[in-house]
Amino acid sequence: MKEIKAVIQPFMLDAVVEALRQIDHLPAITVSEVQGISIADAETPPCRRLKLEVVVPDQVAGQVVQAIGRHARTGNPGDGRIFVIPVEQSVKIRTGQADSG
């Protein structure tokens, strides 16, 4: 399994979600409001972004990354970033069912 985290421009959310809905085996995504703060340039004000998080089977990860990248891209600075992280295990709290990565 892979966890995919993406930080995107807020106005790109609808396009990204619509693209993700086209991918099989994608149960849900978590969306959080976050702020980006430049460490290198103290004069740059914080910028509002959205962070998407989803855990998917390995074989779907590439599709998810491509869909986010294609539909979140404006071509301007600040479009965001996508991270792909290995997941060792997930446990469903309600049932205790564990899935291994």
N, C-alpha and C. Protein backbone atom coordinates (compact mmCIF):
# COMPACT_ATOMS: atom_id res chain seq x y z
N MET A 1 0.84 -1.18 0.00
CA MET A 1 0.00 0.00 0.00
C MET A 1 0.88 1.25 0.00
N LYS A 2 0.32 2.31 -0.53
CA LYS A 2 1.01 3.60 -0.56
C LYS A 2 0.08 4.67 -0.02
N GLU A 3 0.65 5.59 0.73
CA GLU A 3 -0.07 6.79 1.12
C GLU A 3 0.36 7.89 0.16
N ILE A 4 -0.60 8.56 -0.42
CA ILE A 4 -0.30 9.67 -1.31
C ILE A 4 -0.81 10.93 -0.65
N LYS A 5 0.10 11.87 -0.46
CA LYS A 5 -0.24 13.18 0.08
C LYS A 5 0.02 14.20 -1.01
N ALA A 6 -0.90 15.12 -1.18
CA ALA A 6 -0.72 16.16 -2.18
C ALA A 6 -1.14 17.49 -1.57
N VAL A 7 -0.31 18.50 -1.78
CA VAL A 7 -0.64 19.86 -1.37
C VAL A 7 -0.97 20.61 -2.66
N ILE A 8 -2.19 21.13 -2.74
CA ILE A 8 -2.66 21.75 -3.98
C ILE A 8 -3.29 23.11 -3.71
N GLN A 9 -3.49 23.87 -4.81
CA GLN A 9 -4.22 25.13 -4.73
C GLN A 9 -5.69 24.82 -4.42
N PRO A 10 -6.31 25.58 -3.52
CA PRO A 10 -7.71 25.29 -3.16
C PRO A 10 -8.67 25.29 -4.34
N PHE A 11 -8.48 26.18 -5.30
CA PHE A 11 -9.42 26.27 -6.42
C PHE A 11 -9.29 25.11 -7.40
N MET A 12 -8.30 24.24 -7.21
CA MET A 12 -8.13 23.07 -8.08
C MET A 12 -8.80 21.82 -7.50
N LEU A 13 -9.36 21.90 -6.31
CA LEU A 13 -9.91 20.72 -5.63
C LEU A 13 -10.99 20.01 -6.45
N ASP A 14 -11.95 20.74 -6.97
CA ASP A 14 -13.05 20.09 -7.69
C ASP A 14 -12.54 19.28 -8.88
N ALA A 15 -11.61 19.83 -9.63
CA ALA A 15 -11.06 19.12 -10.80
C ALA A 15 -10.31 17.87 -10.37
N VAL A 16 -9.54 17.97 -9.29
CA VAL A 16 -8.77 16.82 -8.80
C VAL A 16 -9.71 15.73 -8.29
N VAL A 17 -10.71 16.10 -7.51
CA VAL A 17 -11.65 15.11 -6.97
C VAL A 17 -12.39 14.41 -8.11
N GLU A 18 -12.81 15.16 -9.09
CA GLU A 18 -13.52 14.55 -10.23
C GLU A 18 -12.61 13.54 -10.95
N ALA A 19 -11.35 13.88 -11.12
CA ALA A 19 -10.41 12.95 -11.75
C ALA A 19 -10.21 11.70 -10.90
N LEU A 20 -10.12 11.87 -9.58
CA LEU A 20 -9.92 10.72 -8.69
C LEU A 20 -11.15 9.81 -8.68
N ARG A 21 -12.32 10.37 -8.87
CA ARG A 21 -13.55 9.56 -8.91
C ARG A 21 -13.55 8.57 -10.08
N GLN A 22 -12.74 8.81 -11.06
CA GLN A 22 -12.67 7.94 -12.24
C GLN A 22 -11.77 6.72 -12.01
N ILE A 23 -11.07 6.68 -10.87
CA ILE A 23 -10.12 5.60 -10.59
C ILE A 23 -10.80 4.52 -9.74
N ASP A 24 -10.75 3.27 -10.21
CA ASP A 24 -11.30 2.15 -9.44
C ASP A 24 -10.46 1.89 -8.20
N HIS A 25 -11.09 1.35 -7.18
CA HIS A 25 -10.43 0.94 -5.94
C HIS A 25 -9.93 2.13 -5.13
N LEU A 26 -10.55 3.28 -5.29
CA LEU A 26 -10.18 4.46 -4.51
C LEU A 26 -11.35 4.76 -3.58
N PRO A 27 -11.25 4.34 -2.31
CA PRO A 27 -12.41 4.43 -1.42
C PRO A 27 -12.80 5.85 -1.01
N ALA A 28 -11.83 6.67 -0.61
CA ALA A 28 -12.11 8.01 -0.11
C ALA A 28 -10.79 8.77 0.00
N ILE A 29 -10.91 10.09 0.09
CA ILE A 29 -9.73 10.91 0.35
C ILE A 29 -10.02 11.80 1.55
N THR A 30 -8.98 12.22 2.22
CA THR A 30 -9.09 13.17 3.31
C THR A 30 -8.56 14.49 2.79
N VAL A 31 -9.28 15.57 3.05
CA VAL A 31 -8.88 16.90 2.62
C VAL A 31 -8.78 17.79 3.85
N SER A 32 -7.64 18.46 4.01
CA SER A 32 -7.41 19.36 5.13
C SER A 32 -6.94 20.71 4.63
N GLU A 33 -7.34 21.77 5.32
CA GLU A 33 -6.81 23.09 5.01
C GLU A 33 -5.47 23.25 5.72
N VAL A 34 -4.46 23.72 4.99
CA VAL A 34 -3.12 23.91 5.55
C VAL A 34 -2.58 25.27 5.09
N GLN A 35 -1.48 25.69 5.71
CA GLN A 35 -0.79 26.91 5.30
C GLN A 35 0.64 26.58 4.94
N GLY A 36 1.09 27.10 3.81
CA GLY A 36 2.49 26.98 3.43
C GLY A 36 3.23 28.23 3.87
N ILE A 37 4.37 28.04 4.49
CA ILE A 37 5.17 29.16 4.98
C ILE A 37 6.58 29.02 4.43
N SER A 38 7.07 30.05 3.77
CA SER A 38 8.43 30.02 3.22
C SER A 38 9.44 30.20 4.35
N ILE A 39 10.35 29.26 4.46
CA ILE A 39 11.42 29.36 5.44
C ILE A 39 12.54 30.21 4.85
N ALA A 40 12.76 30.10 3.55
CA ALA A 40 13.85 30.82 2.88
C ALA A 40 13.57 32.31 2.74
N ASP A 41 12.30 32.70 2.59
CA ASP A 41 11.96 34.10 2.37
C ASP A 41 10.94 34.55 3.40
N ALA A 42 11.41 35.19 4.45
CA ALA A 42 10.54 35.62 5.55
C ALA A 42 9.54 36.68 5.11
N GLU A 43 9.77 37.33 3.99
CA GLU A 43 8.87 38.38 3.50
C GLU A 43 7.64 37.80 2.80
N THR A 44 7.71 36.54 2.40
CA THR A 44 6.59 35.92 1.71
C THR A 44 5.50 35.57 2.72
N PRO A 45 4.28 36.05 2.49
CA PRO A 45 3.21 35.73 3.44
C PRO A 45 2.80 34.25 3.34
N PRO A 46 2.23 33.70 4.41
CA PRO A 46 1.74 32.32 4.36
C PRO A 46 0.70 32.19 3.25
N CYS A 47 0.66 31.01 2.64
CA CYS A 47 -0.32 30.79 1.57
C CYS A 47 -1.23 29.63 1.95
N ARG A 48 -2.51 29.80 1.70
CA ARG A 48 -3.51 28.78 1.99
C ARG A 48 -3.45 27.70 0.91
N ARG A 49 -3.43 26.45 1.34
CA ARG A 49 -3.43 25.31 0.44
C ARG A 49 -4.34 24.23 1.02
N LEU A 50 -4.61 23.22 0.22
CA LEU A 50 -5.33 22.05 0.69
C LEU A 50 -4.39 20.86 0.62
N LYS A 51 -4.50 19.98 1.61
CA LYS A 51 -3.72 18.74 1.59
C LYS A 51 -4.68 17.58 1.42
N LEU A 52 -4.43 16.78 0.39
CA LEU A 52 -5.21 15.58 0.14
C LEU A 52 -4.38 14.39 0.61
N GLU A 53 -5.05 13.43 1.26
CA GLU A 53 -4.37 12.22 1.72
C GLU A 53 -5.24 11.02 1.36
N VAL A 54 -4.59 9.99 0.82
CA VAL A 54 -5.30 8.77 0.45
C VAL A 54 -4.33 7.59 0.54
N VAL A 55 -4.83 6.45 0.98
CA VAL A 55 -4.04 5.22 1.00
C VAL A 55 -4.64 4.28 -0.05
N VAL A 56 -3.79 3.79 -0.94
CA VAL A 56 -4.26 2.97 -2.06
C VAL A 56 -3.36 1.74 -2.24
N PRO A 57 -3.88 0.72 -2.94
CA PRO A 57 -3.02 -0.41 -3.29
C PRO A 57 -1.88 0.06 -4.19
N ASP A 58 -0.75 -0.63 -4.13
CA ASP A 58 0.42 -0.24 -4.91
C ASP A 58 0.11 -0.05 -6.40
N GLN A 59 -0.72 -0.94 -6.96
CA GLN A 59 -0.96 -0.89 -8.39
C GLN A 59 -1.79 0.33 -8.82
N VAL A 60 -2.41 1.04 -7.89
CA VAL A 60 -3.23 2.21 -8.21
C VAL A 60 -2.46 3.51 -7.98
N ALA A 61 -1.37 3.45 -7.24
CA ALA A 61 -0.65 4.66 -6.83
C ALA A 61 -0.24 5.53 -8.02
N GLY A 62 0.28 4.94 -9.07
CA GLY A 62 0.71 5.71 -10.23
C GLY A 62 -0.43 6.47 -10.88
N GLN A 63 -1.60 5.83 -10.98
CA GLN A 63 -2.77 6.49 -11.55
C GLN A 63 -3.19 7.69 -10.71
N VAL A 64 -3.14 7.53 -9.39
CA VAL A 64 -3.54 8.61 -8.49
C VAL A 64 -2.58 9.79 -8.63
N VAL A 65 -1.29 9.50 -8.64
CA VAL A 65 -0.29 10.57 -8.79
C VAL A 65 -0.49 11.30 -10.12
N GLN A 66 -0.69 10.56 -11.19
CA GLN A 66 -0.89 11.19 -12.50
C GLN A 66 -2.16 12.04 -12.53
N ALA A 67 -3.24 11.53 -11.95
CA ALA A 67 -4.50 12.28 -11.95
C ALA A 67 -4.37 13.58 -11.16
N ILE A 68 -3.74 13.51 -9.99
CA ILE A 68 -3.55 14.72 -9.19
C ILE A 68 -2.66 15.70 -9.94
N GLY A 69 -1.53 15.22 -10.43
CA GLY A 69 -0.60 16.09 -11.13
C GLY A 69 -1.21 16.77 -12.34
N ARG A 70 -1.95 16.03 -13.11
CA ARG A 70 -2.56 16.56 -14.33
C ARG A 70 -3.66 17.59 -14.03
N HIS A 71 -4.46 17.33 -12.99
CA HIS A 71 -5.62 18.18 -12.73
C HIS A 71 -5.37 19.28 -11.69
N ALA A 72 -4.21 19.27 -11.04
CA ALA A 72 -3.88 20.34 -10.09
C ALA A 72 -2.89 21.34 -10.69
N ARG A 73 -2.40 21.06 -11.87
CA ARG A 73 -1.36 21.89 -12.49
C ARG A 73 -1.94 23.11 -13.17
N THR A 74 -1.43 24.30 -12.79
CA THR A 74 -1.76 25.53 -13.50
C THR A 74 -0.57 26.01 -14.31
N GLY A 75 0.61 25.52 -13.96
CA GLY A 75 1.84 25.97 -14.62
C GLY A 75 2.47 27.16 -13.92
N ASN A 76 1.86 27.60 -12.84
CA ASN A 76 2.38 28.74 -12.09
C ASN A 76 3.08 28.28 -10.82
N PRO A 77 3.99 29.10 -10.27
CA PRO A 77 4.62 28.74 -9.00
C PRO A 77 3.55 28.55 -7.92
N GLY A 78 3.78 27.61 -7.05
CA GLY A 78 2.85 27.36 -5.96
C GLY A 78 1.79 26.32 -6.27
N ASP A 79 1.93 25.60 -7.39
CA ASP A 79 0.95 24.57 -7.73
C ASP A 79 0.89 23.45 -6.69
N GLY A 80 1.97 23.21 -5.97
CA GLY A 80 1.95 22.21 -4.92
C GLY A 80 2.95 21.10 -5.12
N ARG A 81 2.72 20.00 -4.41
CA ARG A 81 3.66 18.89 -4.40
C ARG A 81 2.90 17.61 -4.07
N ILE A 82 3.39 16.48 -4.60
CA ILE A 82 2.80 15.16 -4.33
C ILE A 82 3.87 14.30 -3.67
N PHE A 83 3.49 13.62 -2.61
CA PHE A 83 4.39 12.72 -1.89
C PHE A 83 3.81 11.31 -1.92
N VAL A 84 4.66 10.31 -2.14
CA VAL A 84 4.23 8.91 -2.13
C VAL A 84 5.04 8.20 -1.05
N ILE A 85 4.32 7.60 -0.09
CA ILE A 85 4.96 7.04 1.11
C ILE A 85 4.50 5.58 1.28
N PRO A 86 5.43 4.66 1.53
CA PRO A 86 5.01 3.27 1.78
C PRO A 86 4.21 3.16 3.08
N VAL A 87 3.20 2.28 3.08
CA VAL A 87 2.39 2.03 4.27
C VAL A 87 2.58 0.57 4.64
N GLU A 88 2.99 0.32 5.87
CA GLU A 88 3.22 -1.05 6.32
C GLU A 88 1.92 -1.75 6.68
N GLN A 89 0.99 -1.02 7.30
CA GLN A 89 -0.23 -1.66 7.75
C GLN A 89 -1.29 -0.59 7.99
N SER A 90 -2.56 -1.00 7.82
CA SER A 90 -3.68 -0.16 8.24
C SER A 90 -4.63 -1.04 9.04
N VAL A 91 -5.29 -0.43 10.02
CA VAL A 91 -6.21 -1.16 10.87
C VAL A 91 -7.53 -0.39 10.91
N LYS A 92 -8.61 -1.06 10.57
CA LYS A 92 -9.93 -0.44 10.64
C LYS A 92 -10.35 -0.40 12.11
N ILE A 93 -10.57 0.78 12.63
CA ILE A 93 -10.87 0.95 14.05
C ILE A 93 -12.15 0.22 14.44
N ARG A 94 -13.20 0.34 13.63
CA ARG A 94 -14.49 -0.26 13.98
C ARG A 94 -14.40 -1.77 14.13
N THR A 95 -13.68 -2.44 13.22
CA THR A 95 -13.67 -3.92 13.22
C THR A 95 -12.38 -4.53 13.71
N GLY A 96 -11.31 -3.74 13.73
CA GLY A 96 -10.01 -4.27 14.09
C GLY A 96 -9.32 -5.00 12.94
N GLN A 97 -9.96 -5.02 11.77
CA GLN A 97 -9.38 -5.70 10.60
C GLN A 97 -8.10 -5.00 10.18
N ALA A 98 -7.03 -5.79 10.03
CA ALA A 98 -5.74 -5.25 9.64
C ALA A 98 -5.41 -5.66 8.20
N ASP A 99 -4.88 -4.71 7.47
CA ASP A 99 -4.40 -4.97 6.11
C ASP A 99 -2.91 -4.66 6.08
N SER A 100 -2.14 -5.56 5.49
CA SER A 100 -0.69 -5.34 5.37
C SER A 100 -0.38 -4.76 4.00
N GLY A 101 0.67 -3.91 3.98
CA GLY A 101 1.09 -3.31 2.73
C GLY A 101 1.91 -4.25 1.97
